[in-house]
Amino acid sequence: MNFIQRTIQKLADYKPELTRQPDHFEFWEANTAEFEELALRVERKQANLPTLQFVDCFDLSYAGCDGTRVTAWYLVPKTNLPVPGVVVFPGYTCGRGLPEEHVLWAAAGFAVLAVDARAQGGETGSNQQLAFGSAKGWITQGILDPSTSYLKFLIGDAYRAVNCLAAQPEIDPNRMAVAGSSQGGGLALWATALNPRVKACAANVPNLCHLDYSIFASTGSVTEAADFIRRFPEKMEQVLKSLSYFDFMNSAEKVTVPILMSVGLQDRVCPPEAVYAAYNHITSPKHLEVYPFSGHHVEPIQTRKVLHFLQKELGM
């Protein structure tokens, strides 16, 4: 067995102890009930773009989990309806981007809802109220209490994005999936664990996994939480406890549908230990694509594998 094989085997055996709080599932049950109660208040208008000849494009928004208007692009292939749908979540600091960035999904036969992440690099703001200061970025906003944490609102918006897609008339609500990379991969995992409308999930190099490790080892967004603790060292246990509610590893057992994930063994943003920790706690049908020489990047061949996987799982 060579070094790469030994490394993969060691990671395959890595299943750390959960950091789940006693009321973890009660917390999410109460919140998802609230996510369901709030009206979606979807608004959409056709975006007549000359670059898109075989796709209908809509500029869409919906009410997030606290009423924040979340903007999205909604693309539908010009074909027989209804069609399967995919919600695509963005990476950190990114928004919905341009419609043309999402055409590949429509070319593969899916309708796609490409959403903003609240307050991050797009047109979506945030109604979140802050009672304590934060470090740079967004991760530490409200971090001292899971009920006020930015991550709760971010995940809540992702949950409701699935509901928004299901409400569109072009969609077959029994054939819906979620996808994303990095932060988007983490949100895809969370949407799958929480929302039973999701039938398949593709999560590339996901974050929001094994956060008690990532806060120490990652060079990505969770460093904001580390910086917060550096400023307020007396808050460390409070921060780690709050983060545990948003660590997908602690909800992985709730996933019941097929999942495709990917990991780069040289990833320093979403370390392989964190990805494997989450993956190894999933009990539903699953597959992990391992890229020994990739960092925090989605290889082109992985994009093909994601499309094939979702086409298969959604009966296309």
Protein backbone atom coordinates (compact mmCIF):
# COMPACT_ATOMS: atom_id res chain seq x y z
CA MET A 1 0.00 0.00 0.00
CA ASN A 2 1.49 3.35 -1.06
CA PHE A 3 1.33 6.64 0.84
CA ILE A 4 -1.75 7.92 -0.99
CA GLN A 5 -3.60 4.66 -0.37
CA ARG A 6 -2.63 4.73 3.31
CA THR A 7 -3.82 8.34 3.59
CA ILE A 8 -7.17 7.51 2.03
CA GLN A 9 -7.58 4.44 4.24
CA LYS A 10 -6.81 6.47 7.37
CA LEU A 11 -9.40 9.07 6.37
CA ALA A 12 -11.94 6.37 5.51
CA ASP A 13 -11.63 5.14 9.09
CA TYR A 14 -11.93 8.62 10.58
CA LYS A 15 -15.24 8.95 12.42
CA PRO A 16 -14.83 11.45 15.25
CA GLU A 17 -17.13 11.71 18.22
CA LEU A 18 -20.12 13.94 17.58
CA THR A 19 -20.31 17.33 19.29
CA ARG A 20 -24.10 17.32 19.25
CA GLN A 21 -25.88 19.09 22.10
CA PRO A 22 -28.77 17.31 23.89
CA ASP A 23 -31.35 19.62 22.32
CA HIS A 24 -29.81 19.61 18.82
CA PHE A 25 -32.70 17.91 17.05
CA GLU A 26 -35.30 19.81 19.05
CA PHE A 27 -33.61 23.04 17.96
CA TRP A 28 -33.89 22.11 14.30
CA GLU A 29 -37.40 20.70 14.57
CA ALA A 30 -38.61 23.98 16.06
CA ASN A 31 -36.81 26.03 13.43
CA THR A 32 -37.96 23.98 10.44
CA ALA A 33 -41.53 24.32 11.69
CA GLU A 34 -41.05 28.08 11.58
CA PHE A 35 -39.42 27.88 8.14
CA GLU A 36 -42.54 26.11 6.88
CA GLU A 37 -45.03 28.57 8.36
CA LEU A 38 -43.73 31.76 6.76
CA ALA A 39 -45.23 32.54 3.35
CA LEU A 40 -42.76 32.27 0.45
CA ARG A 41 -44.03 35.43 -1.26
CA VAL A 42 -42.30 34.48 -4.52
CA GLU A 43 -41.82 37.21 -7.11
CA ARG A 44 -40.51 36.44 -10.57
CA LYS A 45 -40.22 38.22 -13.88
CA GLN A 46 -38.91 37.02 -17.22
CA ALA A 47 -35.38 38.10 -18.03
CA ASN A 48 -35.20 38.34 -21.80
CA LEU A 49 -31.51 37.71 -22.40
CA PRO A 50 -30.36 37.38 -26.03
CA THR A 51 -27.55 35.06 -24.91
CA LEU A 52 -30.05 32.38 -23.84
CA GLN A 53 -31.80 30.93 -26.88
CA PHE A 54 -33.09 27.60 -25.56
CA VAL A 55 -33.67 28.49 -21.92
CA ASP A 56 -36.35 30.55 -20.20
CA CYS A 57 -34.76 32.75 -17.55
CA PHE A 58 -36.51 34.42 -14.63
CA ASP A 59 -35.28 36.98 -12.12
CA LEU A 60 -36.80 35.54 -8.96
CA SER A 61 -36.92 36.32 -5.26
CA TYR A 62 -38.52 34.71 -2.24
CA ALA A 63 -38.88 35.43 1.47
CA GLY A 64 -36.04 33.93 3.49
CA CYS A 65 -36.52 32.43 6.93
CA ASP A 66 -36.87 35.85 8.60
CA GLY A 67 -38.57 37.63 5.72
CA THR A 68 -35.35 38.79 4.04
CA ARG A 69 -35.83 38.94 0.27
CA VAL A 70 -33.48 36.34 -1.26
CA THR A 71 -32.73 36.83 -4.95
CA ALA A 72 -32.12 34.01 -7.41
CA TRP A 73 -31.94 33.11 -11.07
CA TYR A 74 -34.42 30.53 -12.23
CA LEU A 75 -33.62 28.84 -15.55
CA VAL A 76 -35.93 26.37 -17.29
CA PRO A 77 -35.03 24.42 -20.44
CA LYS A 78 -37.46 24.88 -23.33
CA THR A 79 -38.69 21.31 -23.35
CA ASN A 80 -41.66 19.23 -22.25
CA LEU A 81 -42.82 20.17 -18.77
CA PRO A 82 -42.68 19.44 -15.90
CA VAL A 83 -38.94 18.93 -15.43
CA PRO A 84 -36.68 17.89 -12.56
CA GLY A 85 -35.24 20.78 -10.57
CA VAL A 86 -31.99 21.55 -8.78
CA VAL A 87 -31.29 24.26 -6.22
CA VAL A 88 -27.69 25.46 -6.50
CA PHE A 89 -26.12 27.18 -3.50
CA PRO A 90 -23.15 29.58 -3.82
CA GLY A 91 -19.69 29.50 -2.32
CA TYR A 92 -18.65 31.91 0.41
CA THR A 93 -18.68 35.61 -0.59
CA CYS A 94 -20.44 34.69 -3.83
CA GLY A 95 -23.97 35.39 -4.95
CA ARG A 96 -26.24 34.03 -7.63
CA GLY A 97 -23.85 35.34 -10.31
CA LEU A 98 -25.02 35.73 -13.90
CA PRO A 99 -27.68 33.53 -15.52
CA GLU A 100 -25.19 32.33 -18.12
CA GLU A 101 -23.13 30.70 -15.36
CA HIS A 102 -25.93 28.20 -14.76
CA VAL A 103 -26.81 27.22 -18.33
CA LEU A 104 -25.08 23.84 -18.00
CA TRP A 105 -27.84 22.65 -15.68
CA ALA A 106 -30.53 23.53 -18.20
CA ALA A 107 -28.51 21.90 -20.98
CA ALA A 108 -28.53 18.71 -18.90
CA GLY A 109 -32.33 18.84 -18.65
CA PHE A 110 -32.82 20.41 -15.22
CA ALA A 111 -34.57 23.56 -14.18
CA VAL A 112 -32.18 25.34 -11.82
CA LEU A 113 -32.72 27.82 -9.02
CA ALA A 114 -29.38 29.54 -8.34
CA VAL A 115 -29.74 31.50 -5.12
CA ASP A 116 -27.89 34.24 -3.30
CA ALA A 117 -26.41 33.78 0.17
CA ARG A 118 -27.77 36.54 2.35
CA ALA A 119 -25.51 39.59 2.63
CA GLN A 120 -22.70 37.88 0.68
CA GLY A 121 -21.60 39.32 -2.62
CA GLY A 122 -25.02 39.43 -4.24
CA GLU A 123 -28.13 41.59 -4.16
CA THR A 124 -29.64 40.02 -1.04
CA GLY A 125 -29.51 41.90 2.25
CA SER A 126 -30.33 40.64 5.73
CA ASN A 127 -32.94 41.42 8.36
CA GLN A 128 -30.82 39.76 11.05
CA GLN A 129 -30.46 41.81 14.25
CA LEU A 130 -27.12 41.82 16.11
CA ALA A 131 -26.80 42.20 19.87
CA PHE A 132 -23.01 41.67 20.03
CA GLY A 133 -20.04 42.56 17.86
CA SER A 134 -18.52 40.27 15.23
CA ALA A 135 -15.25 39.62 13.47
CA LYS A 136 -14.71 40.16 9.74
CA GLY A 137 -17.14 38.52 7.34
CA TRP A 138 -20.49 37.04 8.37
CA ILE A 139 -19.87 33.79 10.23
CA THR A 140 -19.57 35.41 13.67
CA GLN A 141 -22.70 37.53 13.44
CA GLY A 142 -24.86 36.43 16.36
CA ILE A 143 -22.48 33.54 17.02
CA LEU A 144 -22.91 33.47 20.81
CA ASP A 145 -26.40 31.99 20.58
CA PRO A 146 -27.54 29.47 17.95
CA SER A 147 -30.96 31.12 17.82
CA THR A 148 -29.38 34.40 16.67
CA SER A 149 -26.52 32.97 14.59
CA TYR A 150 -26.02 34.04 10.99
CA LEU A 151 -25.61 30.37 10.14
CA LYS A 152 -29.13 29.60 11.34
CA PHE A 153 -30.53 32.19 8.95
CA LEU A 154 -28.27 31.03 6.10
CA ILE A 155 -29.40 27.42 6.51
CA GLY A 156 -33.00 28.54 6.92
CA ASP A 157 -32.83 30.40 3.61
CA ALA A 158 -31.44 27.24 1.99
CA TYR A 159 -34.32 25.18 3.39
CA ARG A 160 -36.82 27.64 1.97
CA ALA A 161 -35.06 27.72 -1.40
CA VAL A 162 -36.10 24.08 -1.81
CA ASN A 163 -39.69 25.03 -1.02
CA CYS A 164 -39.46 27.89 -3.50
CA LEU A 165 -38.31 25.57 -6.28
CA ALA A 166 -41.09 23.09 -5.46
CA ALA A 167 -43.65 25.89 -5.83
CA GLN A 168 -42.67 26.72 -9.43
CA PRO A 169 -45.21 25.45 -12.00
CA GLU A 170 -42.54 24.03 -14.33
CA ILE A 171 -41.16 21.68 -11.66
CA ASP A 172 -41.92 18.06 -10.88
CA PRO A 173 -41.84 18.38 -7.06
CA ASN A 174 -41.09 14.67 -6.71
CA ARG A 175 -37.81 15.06 -8.62
CA MET A 176 -35.78 17.74 -6.89
CA ALA A 177 -32.14 17.84 -5.84
CA VAL A 178 -29.65 20.25 -4.31
CA ALA A 179 -26.05 20.97 -5.24
CA GLY A 180 -23.17 23.25 -4.41
CA SER A 181 -19.47 23.53 -3.69
CA SER A 182 -17.66 24.70 -0.56
CA GLN A 183 -20.21 26.78 1.38
CA GLY A 184 -22.71 25.73 -1.28
CA GLY A 185 -21.86 22.10 -0.62
CA GLY A 186 -22.40 22.57 3.09
CA LEU A 187 -25.76 24.22 2.48
CA ALA A 188 -26.73 21.40 0.11
CA LEU A 189 -25.96 18.87 2.85
CA TRP A 190 -27.98 20.82 5.39
CA ALA A 191 -30.96 21.21 3.05
CA THR A 192 -30.89 17.45 2.49
CA ALA A 193 -30.81 16.67 6.20
CA LEU A 194 -33.67 19.04 7.01
CA ASN A 195 -36.01 19.18 4.01
CA PRO A 196 -37.76 15.95 2.95
CA ARG A 197 -38.52 17.40 -0.50
CA VAL A 198 -34.87 16.82 -1.48
CA LYS A 199 -34.41 13.50 -3.31
CA ALA A 200 -30.67 13.66 -4.04
CA CYS A 201 -27.67 15.79 -3.11
CA ALA A 202 -24.35 16.62 -4.76
CA ALA A 203 -21.94 18.36 -2.38
CA ASN A 204 -18.46 19.17 -3.62
CA VAL A 205 -15.65 20.00 -1.15
CA PRO A 206 -18.30 21.00 1.44
CA ASN A 207 -17.81 23.20 4.46
CA LEU A 208 -19.96 23.37 7.63
CA CYS A 209 -18.47 19.98 8.54
CA HIS A 210 -16.56 18.92 11.69
CA LEU A 211 -16.43 22.55 12.78
CA ASP A 212 -14.58 21.88 16.03
CA TYR A 213 -11.69 20.63 13.87
CA SER A 214 -12.10 23.11 11.02
CA ILE A 215 -11.94 26.13 13.31
CA PHE A 216 -8.43 24.97 14.21
CA ALA A 217 -7.21 23.67 10.83
CA SER A 218 -9.07 25.48 8.04
CA THR A 219 -7.89 28.59 6.19
CA GLY A 220 -11.46 29.35 5.06
CA SER A 221 -14.49 31.17 6.44
CA VAL A 222 -14.42 29.46 9.83
CA THR A 223 -11.20 31.38 10.57
CA GLU A 224 -13.58 34.25 11.30
CA ALA A 225 -14.81 32.29 14.33
CA ALA A 226 -11.21 31.64 15.36
CA ASP A 227 -10.50 35.36 15.09
CA PHE A 228 -13.56 36.09 17.23
CA ILE A 229 -12.26 33.72 19.92
CA ARG A 230 -8.83 35.33 19.72
CA ARG A 231 -10.48 38.65 20.54
CA PHE A 232 -12.81 37.19 23.18
CA PRO A 233 -11.02 34.11 24.57
CA GLU A 234 -13.49 33.82 27.43
CA LYS A 235 -16.19 33.09 24.82
CA MET A 236 -14.51 30.00 23.32
CA GLU A 237 -16.77 27.34 24.84
CA GLN A 238 -19.85 29.40 24.06
CA VAL A 239 -18.77 29.77 20.43
CA LEU A 240 -17.95 26.08 20.02
CA LYS A 241 -21.28 25.08 21.54
CA SER A 242 -23.15 27.43 19.21
CA LEU A 243 -21.23 26.19 16.16
CA SER A 244 -22.12 22.59 16.99
CA TYR A 245 -25.73 23.25 15.99
CA PHE A 246 -24.55 24.12 12.46
CA ASP A 247 -22.05 21.30 12.07
CA PHE A 248 -23.58 19.00 9.47
CA MET A 249 -21.77 16.05 11.03
CA ASN A 250 -24.21 16.30 13.95
CA SER A 251 -27.24 15.96 11.64
CA ALA A 252 -25.75 13.54 9.11
CA GLU A 253 -27.86 10.65 10.38
CA LYS A 254 -30.99 12.49 9.25
CA VAL A 255 -30.05 12.10 5.58
CA THR A 256 -32.08 9.35 3.90
CA VAL A 257 -31.47 10.01 0.19
CA PRO A 258 -28.49 9.33 -2.12
CA ILE A 259 -25.51 11.66 -1.77
CA LEU A 260 -22.48 12.31 -3.95
CA MET A 261 -19.59 14.19 -2.36
CA SER A 262 -16.07 15.12 -3.40
CA VAL A 263 -12.90 15.91 -1.50
CA GLY A 264 -9.45 17.22 -2.37
CA LEU A 265 -6.73 15.70 -0.22
CA GLN A 266 -4.73 18.94 -0.49
CA ASP A 267 -7.67 21.17 0.41
CA ARG A 268 -6.79 23.62 3.18
CA VAL A 269 -10.14 25.45 3.12
CA CYS A 270 -12.39 22.43 3.65
CA PRO A 271 -9.84 19.93 4.99
CA PRO A 272 -10.27 16.27 4.02
CA GLU A 273 -10.59 15.30 7.69
CA ALA A 274 -13.68 17.50 7.96
CA VAL A 275 -15.26 16.15 4.77
CA TYR A 276 -14.61 12.54 5.74
CA ALA A 277 -15.96 13.14 9.25
CA ALA A 278 -19.28 14.23 7.78
CA TYR A 279 -19.30 11.56 5.09
CA ASN A 280 -18.55 8.75 7.52
CA HIS A 281 -21.53 9.70 9.68
CA ILE A 282 -23.98 9.51 6.74
CA THR A 283 -25.90 6.22 6.62
CA SER A 284 -27.88 6.66 3.38
CA PRO A 285 -26.57 5.52 -0.05
CA LYS A 286 -23.45 7.58 -0.67
CA HIS A 287 -20.30 7.94 -2.73
CA LEU A 288 -17.21 10.08 -2.21
CA GLU A 289 -14.99 11.06 -5.14
CA VAL A 290 -11.42 11.52 -3.89
CA TYR A 291 -8.92 13.76 -5.70
CA PRO A 292 -5.46 13.23 -4.13
CA PHE A 293 -3.79 16.15 -5.92
CA SER A 294 -6.62 18.68 -5.78
CA GLY A 295 -7.02 21.50 -3.31
CA HIS A 296 -10.14 23.57 -2.80
CA HIS A 297 -11.32 23.12 -6.35
CA VAL A 298 -13.92 21.20 -8.33
CA GLU A 299 -12.32 19.37 -11.24
CA PRO A 300 -14.16 19.37 -14.60
CA ILE A 301 -14.62 15.60 -14.46
CA GLN A 302 -16.42 16.03 -11.14
CA THR A 303 -18.93 18.35 -12.81
CA ARG A 304 -19.69 15.57 -15.30
CA LYS A 305 -20.07 13.06 -12.47
CA VAL A 306 -22.47 15.36 -10.62
CA LEU A 307 -24.68 15.77 -13.69
CA HIS A 308 -24.72 12.03 -14.34
CA PHE A 309 -25.48 11.24 -10.70
CA LEU A 310 -28.40 13.65 -10.47
CA GLN A 311 -29.81 12.59 -13.84
CA LYS A 312 -29.76 8.99 -12.64
CA GLU A 313 -31.25 9.70 -9.21
CA LEU A 314 -34.02 11.91 -10.63
CA GLY A 315 -35.00 9.34 -13.25
CA MET A 316 -33.87 11.19 -16.37
